[in-house]
Amino acid sequence: MNRILPRGVARALFASTLVLIGVYSIPQSVLAAAIVPKEIWLSGVDPVVLHDRDKNAADNDFLELFKSGSSWARASARVQVFKVSTQFLHRSSDEQLASVAQYLRSHHIALALEAEIMVTSVRCGNGIPGFTTTNVIQRAVDRLRSFGGQIDYVAFDEPMAFGRAHRRPGRIQYRATGAKQS
Protein backbone atom coordinates (compact mmCIF):
# COMPACT_ATOMS: atom_id res chain seq x y z
CA MET A 1 0.00 0.00 0.00
CA ASN A 2 1.44 3.32 -1.03
CA ARG A 3 0.86 6.18 1.42
CA ILE A 4 1.90 9.70 0.77
CA LEU A 5 2.99 11.57 3.87
CA PRO A 6 1.83 15.11 4.45
CA ARG A 7 4.44 17.58 3.20
CA GLY A 8 5.41 18.83 6.72
CA VAL A 9 5.94 15.29 8.04
CA ALA A 10 8.02 14.33 5.00
CA ARG A 11 10.23 17.42 5.41
CA ALA A 12 10.72 16.72 9.12
CA LEU A 13 11.73 13.11 8.45
CA PHE A 14 14.09 14.18 5.68
CA ALA A 15 15.71 16.85 7.88
CA SER A 16 16.07 14.39 10.77
CA THR A 17 17.73 11.88 8.47
CA LEU A 18 20.20 14.50 7.23
CA VAL A 19 21.05 15.48 10.80
CA LEU A 20 21.65 11.85 11.79
CA ILE A 21 23.81 11.24 8.74
CA GLY A 22 25.77 14.40 9.51
CA VAL A 23 26.27 13.51 13.17
CA TYR A 24 27.38 9.96 12.46
CA SER A 25 29.80 11.04 9.74
CA ILE A 26 31.67 13.38 12.13
CA PRO A 27 34.44 11.66 14.07
CA GLN A 28 33.46 11.30 17.73
CA SER A 29 36.57 13.13 18.96
CA VAL A 30 35.63 16.18 16.87
CA LEU A 31 32.02 16.02 18.01
CA ALA A 32 33.03 15.68 21.69
CA ALA A 33 35.39 18.64 21.44
CA ALA A 34 32.65 20.74 19.86
CA ILE A 35 30.18 20.15 22.68
CA VAL A 36 32.52 20.39 25.68
CA PRO A 37 32.10 23.84 27.20
CA LYS A 38 35.25 25.93 27.22
CA GLU A 39 34.15 28.01 30.18
CA ILE A 40 31.46 27.44 32.76
CA TRP A 41 29.86 30.49 34.37
CA LEU A 42 27.64 30.42 37.41
CA SER A 43 25.51 33.09 39.00
CA GLY A 44 22.68 33.37 41.45
CA VAL A 45 20.29 35.82 43.02
CA ASP A 46 22.36 37.58 45.66
CA PRO A 47 20.75 38.91 48.87
CA VAL A 48 20.94 42.55 47.75
CA VAL A 49 19.06 41.92 44.49
CA LEU A 50 16.66 39.57 46.30
CA HIS A 51 15.68 42.31 48.75
CA ASP A 52 15.49 44.90 45.95
CA ARG A 53 12.92 42.67 44.27
CA ASP A 54 10.96 41.97 47.45
CA LYS A 55 11.61 43.87 50.68
CA ASN A 56 9.93 41.07 52.68
CA ALA A 57 11.90 38.23 51.09
CA ALA A 58 13.56 35.79 53.44
CA ASP A 59 17.29 35.45 53.01
CA ASN A 60 18.30 32.86 50.45
CA ASP A 61 21.27 30.52 50.61
CA PHE A 62 23.45 32.47 48.17
CA LEU A 63 26.16 33.20 50.75
CA GLU A 64 26.35 29.51 51.76
CA LEU A 65 28.19 28.96 48.47
CA PHE A 66 31.18 30.86 49.81
CA LYS A 67 31.69 29.05 53.10
CA SER A 68 34.35 26.40 53.57
CA GLY A 69 32.90 22.92 53.20
CA SER A 70 30.00 24.19 51.11
CA SER A 71 27.91 21.58 49.32
CA TRP A 72 29.02 22.65 45.84
CA ALA A 73 32.72 21.82 46.30
CA ARG A 74 32.81 19.29 43.44
CA ALA A 75 30.83 21.53 41.11
CA SER A 76 32.90 24.61 41.96
CA ALA A 77 36.00 22.80 40.71
CA ARG A 78 34.48 22.94 37.21
CA VAL A 79 33.34 26.58 37.34
CA GLN A 80 35.70 29.13 35.81
CA VAL A 81 33.63 32.29 36.32
CA PHE A 82 31.14 33.42 38.98
CA LYS A 83 28.96 36.44 38.15
CA VAL A 84 27.65 38.94 40.71
CA SER A 85 25.53 42.07 40.39
CA THR A 86 26.62 45.69 40.56
CA GLN A 87 24.20 46.00 43.47
CA PHE A 88 25.98 43.25 45.42
CA LEU A 89 29.43 44.76 44.94
CA HIS A 90 28.09 48.19 45.85
CA ARG A 91 25.70 47.50 48.74
CA SER A 92 26.53 44.12 50.33
CA SER A 93 28.04 44.12 53.79
CA ASP A 94 31.83 44.10 54.09
CA GLU A 95 31.63 40.59 55.54
CA GLN A 96 29.54 39.33 52.60
CA LEU A 97 31.79 40.86 49.96
CA ALA A 98 34.97 39.69 51.70
CA SER A 99 33.74 36.10 51.88
CA VAL A 100 32.84 36.05 48.16
CA ALA A 101 36.14 37.65 47.09
CA GLN A 102 38.24 35.36 49.28
CA TYR A 103 36.41 32.18 48.26
CA LEU A 104 36.64 32.91 44.54
CA ARG A 105 40.32 33.84 44.79
CA SER A 106 41.22 30.75 46.84
CA HIS A 107 39.37 28.49 44.38
CA HIS A 108 40.83 30.20 41.29
CA ILE A 109 37.39 31.24 40.02
CA ALA A 110 37.25 34.46 38.01
CA LEU A 111 34.73 37.13 38.97
CA ALA A 112 32.32 38.65 36.48
CA LEU A 113 30.35 41.81 37.17
CA GLU A 114 26.85 42.01 35.75
CA ALA A 115 27.10 45.74 35.27
CA GLU A 116 24.29 48.20 35.16
CA ILE A 117 25.97 49.71 32.15
CA MET A 118 23.56 52.48 31.09
CA VAL A 119 24.66 55.83 32.54
CA THR A 120 22.11 57.60 34.72
CA SER A 121 21.72 61.30 34.06
CA VAL A 122 19.61 64.07 35.57
CA ARG A 123 17.01 63.62 32.86
CA CYS A 124 16.94 59.84 32.56
CA GLY A 125 17.51 56.52 34.24
CA ASN A 126 17.04 57.26 37.94
CA GLY A 127 15.57 54.20 39.63
CA ILE A 128 15.44 52.17 36.43
CA PRO A 129 17.22 48.79 36.36
CA GLY A 130 20.27 48.68 34.13
CA PHE A 131 21.16 52.34 34.81
CA THR A 132 23.75 53.58 37.30
CA THR A 133 26.43 56.22 37.71
CA THR A 134 30.12 55.88 37.07
CA ASN A 135 30.66 56.64 40.78
CA VAL A 136 28.69 53.53 41.77
CA ILE A 137 30.77 51.34 39.46
CA GLN A 138 34.01 52.88 40.74
CA ARG A 139 32.97 52.41 44.37
CA ALA A 140 32.03 48.77 43.68
CA VAL A 141 35.43 48.12 42.07
CA ASP A 142 37.26 49.85 44.93
CA ARG A 143 35.34 47.88 47.57
CA LEU A 144 36.11 44.60 45.82
CA ARG A 145 39.80 45.49 45.54
CA SER A 146 39.93 46.31 49.26
CA PHE A 147 39.08 42.65 49.93
CA GLY A 148 41.62 41.30 47.47
CA GLY A 149 39.17 40.73 44.63
CA GLN A 150 39.20 41.84 41.02
CA ILE A 151 36.75 41.99 38.16
CA ASP A 152 37.83 39.67 35.38
CA TYR A 153 34.78 39.97 33.12
CA VAL A 154 31.93 42.41 32.61
CA ALA A 155 28.49 41.31 31.46
CA PHE A 156 25.93 43.97 30.56
CA ASP A 157 22.76 44.06 32.66
CA GLU A 158 20.07 44.13 29.96
CA PRO A 159 20.84 47.47 28.30
CA MET A 160 18.40 46.80 25.47
CA ALA A 161 15.53 45.90 27.82
CA PHE A 162 15.83 48.93 30.05
CA GLY A 163 17.60 51.32 27.70
CA ARG A 164 15.14 50.86 24.88
CA ALA A 165 12.03 48.88 25.72
CA HIS A 166 11.35 49.97 29.32
CA ARG A 167 8.04 51.83 29.69
CA ARG A 168 8.34 53.89 32.85
CA PRO A 169 8.65 57.60 33.66
CA GLY A 170 12.25 58.77 33.76
CA ARG A 171 13.43 56.58 30.95
CA ILE A 172 14.72 57.49 27.55
CA GLN A 173 13.73 55.19 24.74
CA TYR A 174 17.08 54.77 23.06
CA ARG A 175 17.27 53.41 19.59
CA ALA A 176 19.56 50.39 19.35
CA THR A 177 22.48 52.62 18.33
CA GLY A 178 21.79 55.06 21.21
CA ALA A 179 21.75 52.25 23.76
CA LYS A 180 25.00 50.94 22.32
CA GLN A 181 26.66 54.37 22.55
CA SER A 182 25.46 55.11 26.10
C-alpha atoms as a PDB file:
ATOM      1  CA  MET A   1       0.000   0.000   0.000  1.00  0.00           C
ATOM      2  CA  ASN A   2       1.445   3.319  -1.030  1.00  0.00           C
ATOM      3  CA  ARG A   3       0.862   6.177   1.418  1.00  0.00           C
ATOM      4  CA  ILE A   4       1.904   9.703   0.775  1.00  0.00           C
ATOM      5  CA  LEU A   5       2.994  11.566   3.873  1.00  0.00           C
ATOM      6  CA  PRO A   6       1.826  15.112   4.446  1.00  0.00           C
ATOM      7  CA  ARG A   7       4.438  17.584   3.202  1.00  0.00           C
ATOM      8  CA  GLY A   8       5.406  18.827   6.721  1.00  0.00           C
ATOM      9  CA  VAL A   9       5.944  15.285   8.036  1.00  0.00           C
ATOM     10  CA  ALA A  10       8.020  14.329   5.002  1.00  0.00           C
ATOM     11  CA  ARG A  11      10.230  17.417   5.411  1.00  0.00           C
ATOM     12  CA  ALA A  12      10.725  16.719   9.124  1.00  0.00           C
ATOM     13  CA  LEU A  13      11.726  13.108   8.450  1.00  0.00           C
ATOM     14  CA  PHE A  14      14.086  14.176   5.676  1.00  0.00           C
ATOM     15  CA  ALA A  15      15.711  16.851   7.875  1.00  0.00           C
ATOM     16  CA  SER A  16      16.073  14.385  10.771  1.00  0.00           C
ATOM     17  CA  THR A  17      17.726  11.875   8.466  1.00  0.00           C
ATOM     18  CA  LEU A  18      20.202  14.498   7.235  1.00  0.00           C
ATOM     19  CA  VAL A  19      21.050  15.479  10.802  1.00  0.00           C
ATOM     20  CA  LEU A  20      21.649  11.846  11.788  1.00  0.00           C
ATOM     21  CA  ILE A  21      23.810  11.237   8.740  1.00  0.00           C
ATOM     22  CA  GLY A  22      25.772  14.402   9.512  1.00  0.00           C
ATOM     23  CA  VAL A  23      26.266  13.511  13.173  1.00  0.00           C
ATOM     24  CA  TYR A  24      27.380   9.962  12.459  1.00  0.00           C
ATOM     25  CA  SER A  25      29.795  11.037   9.736  1.00  0.00           C
ATOM     26  CA  ILE A  26      31.668  13.384  12.132  1.00  0.00           C
ATOM     27  CA  PRO A  27      34.444  11.662  14.069  1.00  0.00           C
ATOM     28  CA  GLN A  28      33.461  11.297  17.734  1.00  0.00           C
ATOM     29  CA  SER A  29      36.567  13.132  18.960  1.00  0.00           C
ATOM     30  CA  VAL A  30      35.629  16.184  16.871  1.00  0.00           C
ATOM     31  CA  LEU A  31      32.017  16.023  18.014  1.00  0.00           C
ATOM     32  CA  ALA A  32      33.027  15.676  21.686  1.00  0.00           C
ATOM     33  CA  ALA A  33      35.394  18.643  21.438  1.00  0.00           C
ATOM     34  CA  ALA A  34      32.654  20.739  19.862  1.00  0.00           C
ATOM     35  CA  ILE A  35      30.182  20.147  22.685  1.00  0.00           C
ATOM     36  CA  VAL A  36      32.521  20.393  25.680  1.00  0.00           C
ATOM     37  CA  PRO A  37      32.100  23.841  27.199  1.00  0.00           C
ATOM     38  CA  LYS A  38      35.247  25.926  27.224  1.00  0.00           C
ATOM     39  CA  GLU A  39      34.147  28.010  30.181  1.00  0.00           C
ATOM     40  CA  ILE A  40      31.459  27.443  32.761  1.00  0.00           C
ATOM     41  CA  TRP A  41      29.863  30.494  34.367  1.00  0.00           C
ATOM     42  CA  LEU A  42      27.642  30.423  37.412  1.00  0.00           C
ATOM     43  CA  SER A  43      25.505  33.095  38.997  1.00  0.00           C
ATOM     44  CA  GLY A  44      22.679  33.369  41.448  1.00  0.00           C
ATOM     45  CA  VAL A  45      20.286  35.824  43.017  1.00  0.00           C
ATOM     46  CA  ASP A  46      22.364  37.578  45.657  1.00  0.00           C
ATOM     47  CA  PRO A  47      20.748  38.910  48.867  1.00  0.00           C
ATOM     48  CA  VAL A  48      20.942  42.555  47.745  1.00  0.00           C
ATOM     49  CA  VAL A  49      19.057  41.923  44.494  1.00  0.00           C
ATOM     50  CA  LEU A  50      16.661  39.567  46.303  1.00  0.00           C
ATOM     51  CA  HIS A  51      15.682  42.313  48.748  1.00  0.00           C
ATOM     52  CA  ASP A  52      15.489  44.902  45.945  1.00  0.00           C
ATOM     53  CA  ARG A  53      12.919  42.668  44.267  1.00  0.00           C
ATOM     54  CA  ASP A  54      10.959  41.973  47.451  1.00  0.00           C
ATOM     55  CA  LYS A  55      11.608  43.874  50.675  1.00  0.00           C
ATOM     56  CA  ASN A  56       9.932  41.072  52.680  1.00  0.00           C
ATOM     57  CA  ALA A  57      11.897  38.229  51.089  1.00  0.00           C
ATOM     58  CA  ALA A  58      13.556  35.795  53.440  1.00  0.00           C
ATOM     59  CA  ASP A  59      17.293  35.445  53.009  1.00  0.00           C
ATOM     60  CA  ASN A  60      18.301  32.864  50.445  1.00  0.00           C
ATOM     61  CA  ASP A  61      21.266  30.518  50.615  1.00  0.00           C
ATOM     62  CA  PHE A  62      23.455  32.473  48.166  1.00  0.00           C
ATOM     63  CA  LEU A  63      26.158  33.200  50.751  1.00  0.00           C
ATOM     64  CA  GLU A  64      26.348  29.513  51.759  1.00  0.00           C
ATOM     65  CA  LEU A  65      28.194  28.956  48.471  1.00  0.00           C
ATOM     66  CA  PHE A  66      31.176  30.857  49.813  1.00  0.00           C
ATOM     67  CA  LYS A  67      31.688  29.051  53.099  1.00  0.00           C
ATOM     68  CA  SER A  68      34.350  26.396  53.566  1.00  0.00           C
ATOM     69  CA  GLY A  69      32.901  22.920  53.199  1.00  0.00           C
ATOM     70  CA  SER A  70      29.997  24.185  51.110  1.00  0.00           C
ATOM     71  CA  SER A  71      27.913  21.576  49.319  1.00  0.00           C
ATOM     72  CA  TRP A  72      29.021  22.648  45.843  1.00  0.00           C
ATOM     73  CA  ALA A  73      32.717  21.816  46.304  1.00  0.00           C
ATOM     74  CA  ARG A  74      32.806  19.295  43.438  1.00  0.00           C
ATOM     75  CA  ALA A  75      30.830  21.527  41.111  1.00  0.00           C
ATOM     76  CA  SER A  76      32.897  24.614  41.956  1.00  0.00           C
ATOM     77  CA  ALA A  77      35.995  22.802  40.710  1.00  0.00           C
ATOM     78  CA  ARG A  78      34.480  22.944  37.212  1.00  0.00           C
ATOM     79  CA  VAL A  79      33.337  26.576  37.338  1.00  0.00           C
ATOM     80  CA  GLN A  80      35.697  29.126  35.814  1.00  0.00           C
ATOM     81  CA  VAL A  81      33.633  32.293  36.324  1.00  0.00           C
ATOM     82  CA  PHE A  82      31.145  33.422  38.980  1.00  0.00           C
ATOM     83  CA  LYS A  83      28.962  36.439  38.152  1.00  0.00           C
ATOM     84  CA  VAL A  84      27.650  38.944  40.709  1.00  0.00           C
ATOM     85  CA  SER A  85      25.533  42.066  40.388  1.00  0.00           C
ATOM     86  CA  THR A  86      26.616  45.694  40.558  1.00  0.00           C
ATOM     87  CA  GLN A  87      24.202  46.005  43.472  1.00  0.00           C
ATOM     88  CA  PHE A  88      25.977  43.248  45.415  1.00  0.00           C
ATOM     89  CA  LEU A  89      29.432  44.758  44.939  1.00  0.00           C
ATOM     90  CA  HIS A  90      28.092  48.192  45.847  1.00  0.00           C
ATOM     91  CA  ARG A  91      25.703  47.496  48.743  1.00  0.00           C
ATOM     92  CA  SER A  92      26.532  44.122  50.333  1.00  0.00           C
ATOM     93  CA  SER A  93      28.044  44.117  53.793  1.00  0.00           C
ATOM     94  CA  ASP A  94      31.829  44.101  54.091  1.00  0.00           C
ATOM     95  CA  GLU A  95      31.629  40.591  55.535  1.00  0.00           C
ATOM     96  CA  GLN A  96      29.543  39.330  52.602  1.00  0.00           C
ATOM     97  CA  LEU A  97      31.794  40.863  49.964  1.00  0.00           C
ATOM     98  CA  ALA A  98      34.967  39.694  51.698  1.00  0.00           C
ATOM     99  CA  SER A  99      33.735  36.097  51.877  1.00  0.00           C
ATOM    100  CA  VAL A 100      32.839  36.052  48.163  1.00  0.00           C
ATOM    101  CA  ALA A 101      36.141  37.648  47.090  1.00  0.00           C
ATOM    102  CA  GLN A 102      38.244  35.360  49.281  1.00  0.00           C
ATOM    103  CA  TYR A 103      36.408  32.182  48.261  1.00  0.00           C
ATOM    104  CA  LEU A 104      36.642  32.907  44.539  1.00  0.00           C
ATOM    105  CA  ARG A 105      40.321  33.835  44.788  1.00  0.00           C
ATOM    106  CA  SER A 106      41.225  30.748  46.840  1.00  0.00           C
ATOM    107  CA  HIS A 107      39.374  28.489  44.380  1.00  0.00           C
ATOM    108  CA  HIS A 108      40.831  30.198  41.286  1.00  0.00           C
ATOM    109  CA  ILE A 109      37.391  31.236  40.021  1.00  0.00           C
ATOM    110  CA  ALA A 110      37.247  34.461  38.008  1.00  0.00           C
ATOM    111  CA  LEU A 111      34.735  37.127  38.971  1.00  0.00           C
ATOM    112  CA  ALA A 112      32.322  38.646  36.484  1.00  0.00           C
ATOM    113  CA  LEU A 113      30.354  41.811  37.170  1.00  0.00           C
ATOM    114  CA  GLU A 114      26.850  42.008  35.754  1.00  0.00           C
ATOM    115  CA  ALA A 115      27.100  45.742  35.269  1.00  0.00           C
ATOM    116  CA  GLU A 116      24.289  48.197  35.162  1.00  0.00           C
ATOM    117  CA  ILE A 117      25.965  49.713  32.152  1.00  0.00           C
ATOM    118  CA  MET A 118      23.562  52.478  31.089  1.00  0.00           C
ATOM    119  CA  VAL A 119      24.656  55.828  32.540  1.00  0.00           C
ATOM    120  CA  THR A 120      22.109  57.600  34.722  1.00  0.00           C
ATOM    121  CA  SER A 121      21.722  61.302  34.057  1.00  0.00           C
ATOM    122  CA  VAL A 122      19.612  64.073  35.566  1.00  0.00           C
ATOM    123  CA  ARG A 123      17.008  63.620  32.862  1.00  0.00           C
ATOM    124  CA  CYS A 124      16.938  59.843  32.564  1.00  0.00           C
ATOM    125  CA  GLY A 125      17.515  56.515  34.235  1.00  0.00           C
ATOM    126  CA  ASN A 126      17.039  57.260  37.940  1.00  0.00           C
ATOM    127  CA  GLY A 127      15.573  54.197  39.635  1.00  0.00           C
ATOM    128  CA  ILE A 128      15.443  52.169  36.432  1.00  0.00           C
ATOM    129  CA  PRO A 129      17.222  48.787  36.364  1.00  0.00           C
ATOM    130  CA  GLY A 130      20.271  48.678  34.135  1.00  0.00           C
ATOM    131  CA  PHE A 131      21.156  52.338  34.813  1.00  0.00           C
ATOM    132  CA  THR A 132      23.753  53.576  37.301  1.00  0.00           C
ATOM    133  CA  THR A 133      26.432  56.217  37.713  1.00  0.00           C
ATOM    134  CA  THR A 134      30.124  55.877  37.073  1.00  0.00           C
ATOM    135  CA  ASN A 135      30.657  56.643  40.782  1.00  0.00           C
ATOM    136  CA  VAL A 136      28.690  53.526  41.770  1.00  0.00           C
ATOM    137  CA  ILE A 137      30.771  51.338  39.461  1.00  0.00           C
ATOM    138  CA  GLN A 138      34.015  52.885  40.742  1.00  0.00           C
ATOM    139  CA  ARG A 139      32.968  52.412  44.367  1.00  0.00           C
ATOM    140  CA  ALA A 140      32.029  48.771  43.679  1.00  0.00           C
ATOM    141  CA  VAL A 141      35.428  48.124  42.070  1.00  0.00           C
ATOM    142  CA  ASP A 142      37.256  49.848  44.925  1.00  0.00           C
ATOM    143  CA  ARG A 143      35.340  47.876  47.572  1.00  0.00           C
ATOM    144  CA  LEU A 144      36.115  44.596  45.824  1.00  0.00           C
ATOM    145  CA  ARG A 145      39.801  45.493  45.545  1.00  0.00           C
ATOM    146  CA  SER A 146      39.933  46.312  49.260  1.00  0.00           C
ATOM    147  CA  PHE A 147      39.085  42.649  49.930  1.00  0.00           C
ATOM    148  CA  GLY A 148      41.622  41.298  47.466  1.00  0.00           C
ATOM    149  CA  GLY A 149      39.166  40.733  44.629  1.00  0.00           C
ATOM    150  CA  GLN A 150      39.204  41.841  41.023  1.00  0.00           C
ATOM    151  CA  ILE A 151      36.749  41.990  38.161  1.00  0.00           C
ATOM    152  CA  ASP A 152      37.834  39.675  35.377  1.00  0.00           C
ATOM    153  CA  TYR A 153      34.777  39.968  33.123  1.00  0.00           C
ATOM    154  CA  VAL A 154      31.927  42.410  32.614  1.00  0.00           C
ATOM    155  CA  ALA A 155      28.490  41.313  31.462  1.00  0.00           C
ATOM    156  CA  PHE A 156      25.934  43.967  30.555  1.00  0.00           C
ATOM    157  CA  ASP A 157      22.761  44.057  32.662  1.00  0.00           C
ATOM    158  CA  GLU A 158      20.067  44.129  29.963  1.00  0.00           C
ATOM    159  CA  PRO A 159      20.842  47.472  28.296  1.00  0.00           C
ATOM    160  CA  MET A 160      18.397  46.796  25.471  1.00  0.00           C
ATOM    161  CA  ALA A 161      15.534  45.896  27.819  1.00  0.00           C
ATOM    162  CA  PHE A 162      15.832  48.932  30.045  1.00  0.00           C
ATOM    163  CA  GLY A 163      17.603  51.324  27.698  1.00  0.00           C
ATOM    164  CA  ARG A 164      15.141  50.858  24.882  1.00  0.00           C
ATOM    165  CA  ALA A 165      12.034  48.879  25.724  1.00  0.00           C
ATOM    166  CA  HIS A 166      11.351  49.974  29.319  1.00  0.00           C
ATOM    167  CA  ARG A 167       8.035  51.831  29.686  1.00  0.00           C
ATOM    168  CA  ARG A 168       8.345  53.886  32.848  1.00  0.00           C
ATOM    169  CA  PRO A 169       8.650  57.599  33.661  1.00  0.00           C
ATOM    170  CA  GLY A 170      12.249  58.768  33.761  1.00  0.00           C
ATOM    171  CA  ARG A 171      13.431  56.580  30.954  1.00  0.00           C
ATOM    172  CA  ILE A 172      14.717  57.490  27.545  1.00  0.00           C
ATOM    173  CA  GLN A 173      13.732  55.194  24.745  1.00  0.00           C
ATOM    174  CA  TYR A 174      17.076  54.773  23.058  1.00  0.00           C
ATOM    175  CA  ARG A 175      17.275  53.409  19.586  1.00  0.00           C
ATOM    176  CA  ALA A 176      19.562  50.388  19.348  1.00  0.00           C
ATOM    177  CA  THR A 177      22.484  52.623  18.331  1.00  0.00           C
ATOM    178  CA  GLY A 178      21.792  55.057  21.209  1.00  0.00           C
ATOM    179  CA  ALA A 179      21.747  52.247  23.761  1.00  0.00           C
ATOM    180  CA  LYS A 180      25.000  50.940  22.322  1.00  0.00           C
ATOM    181  CA  GLN A 181      26.664  54.367  22.550  1.00  0.00           C
ATOM    182  CA  SER A 182      25.458  55.114  26.098  1.00  0.00           C
END
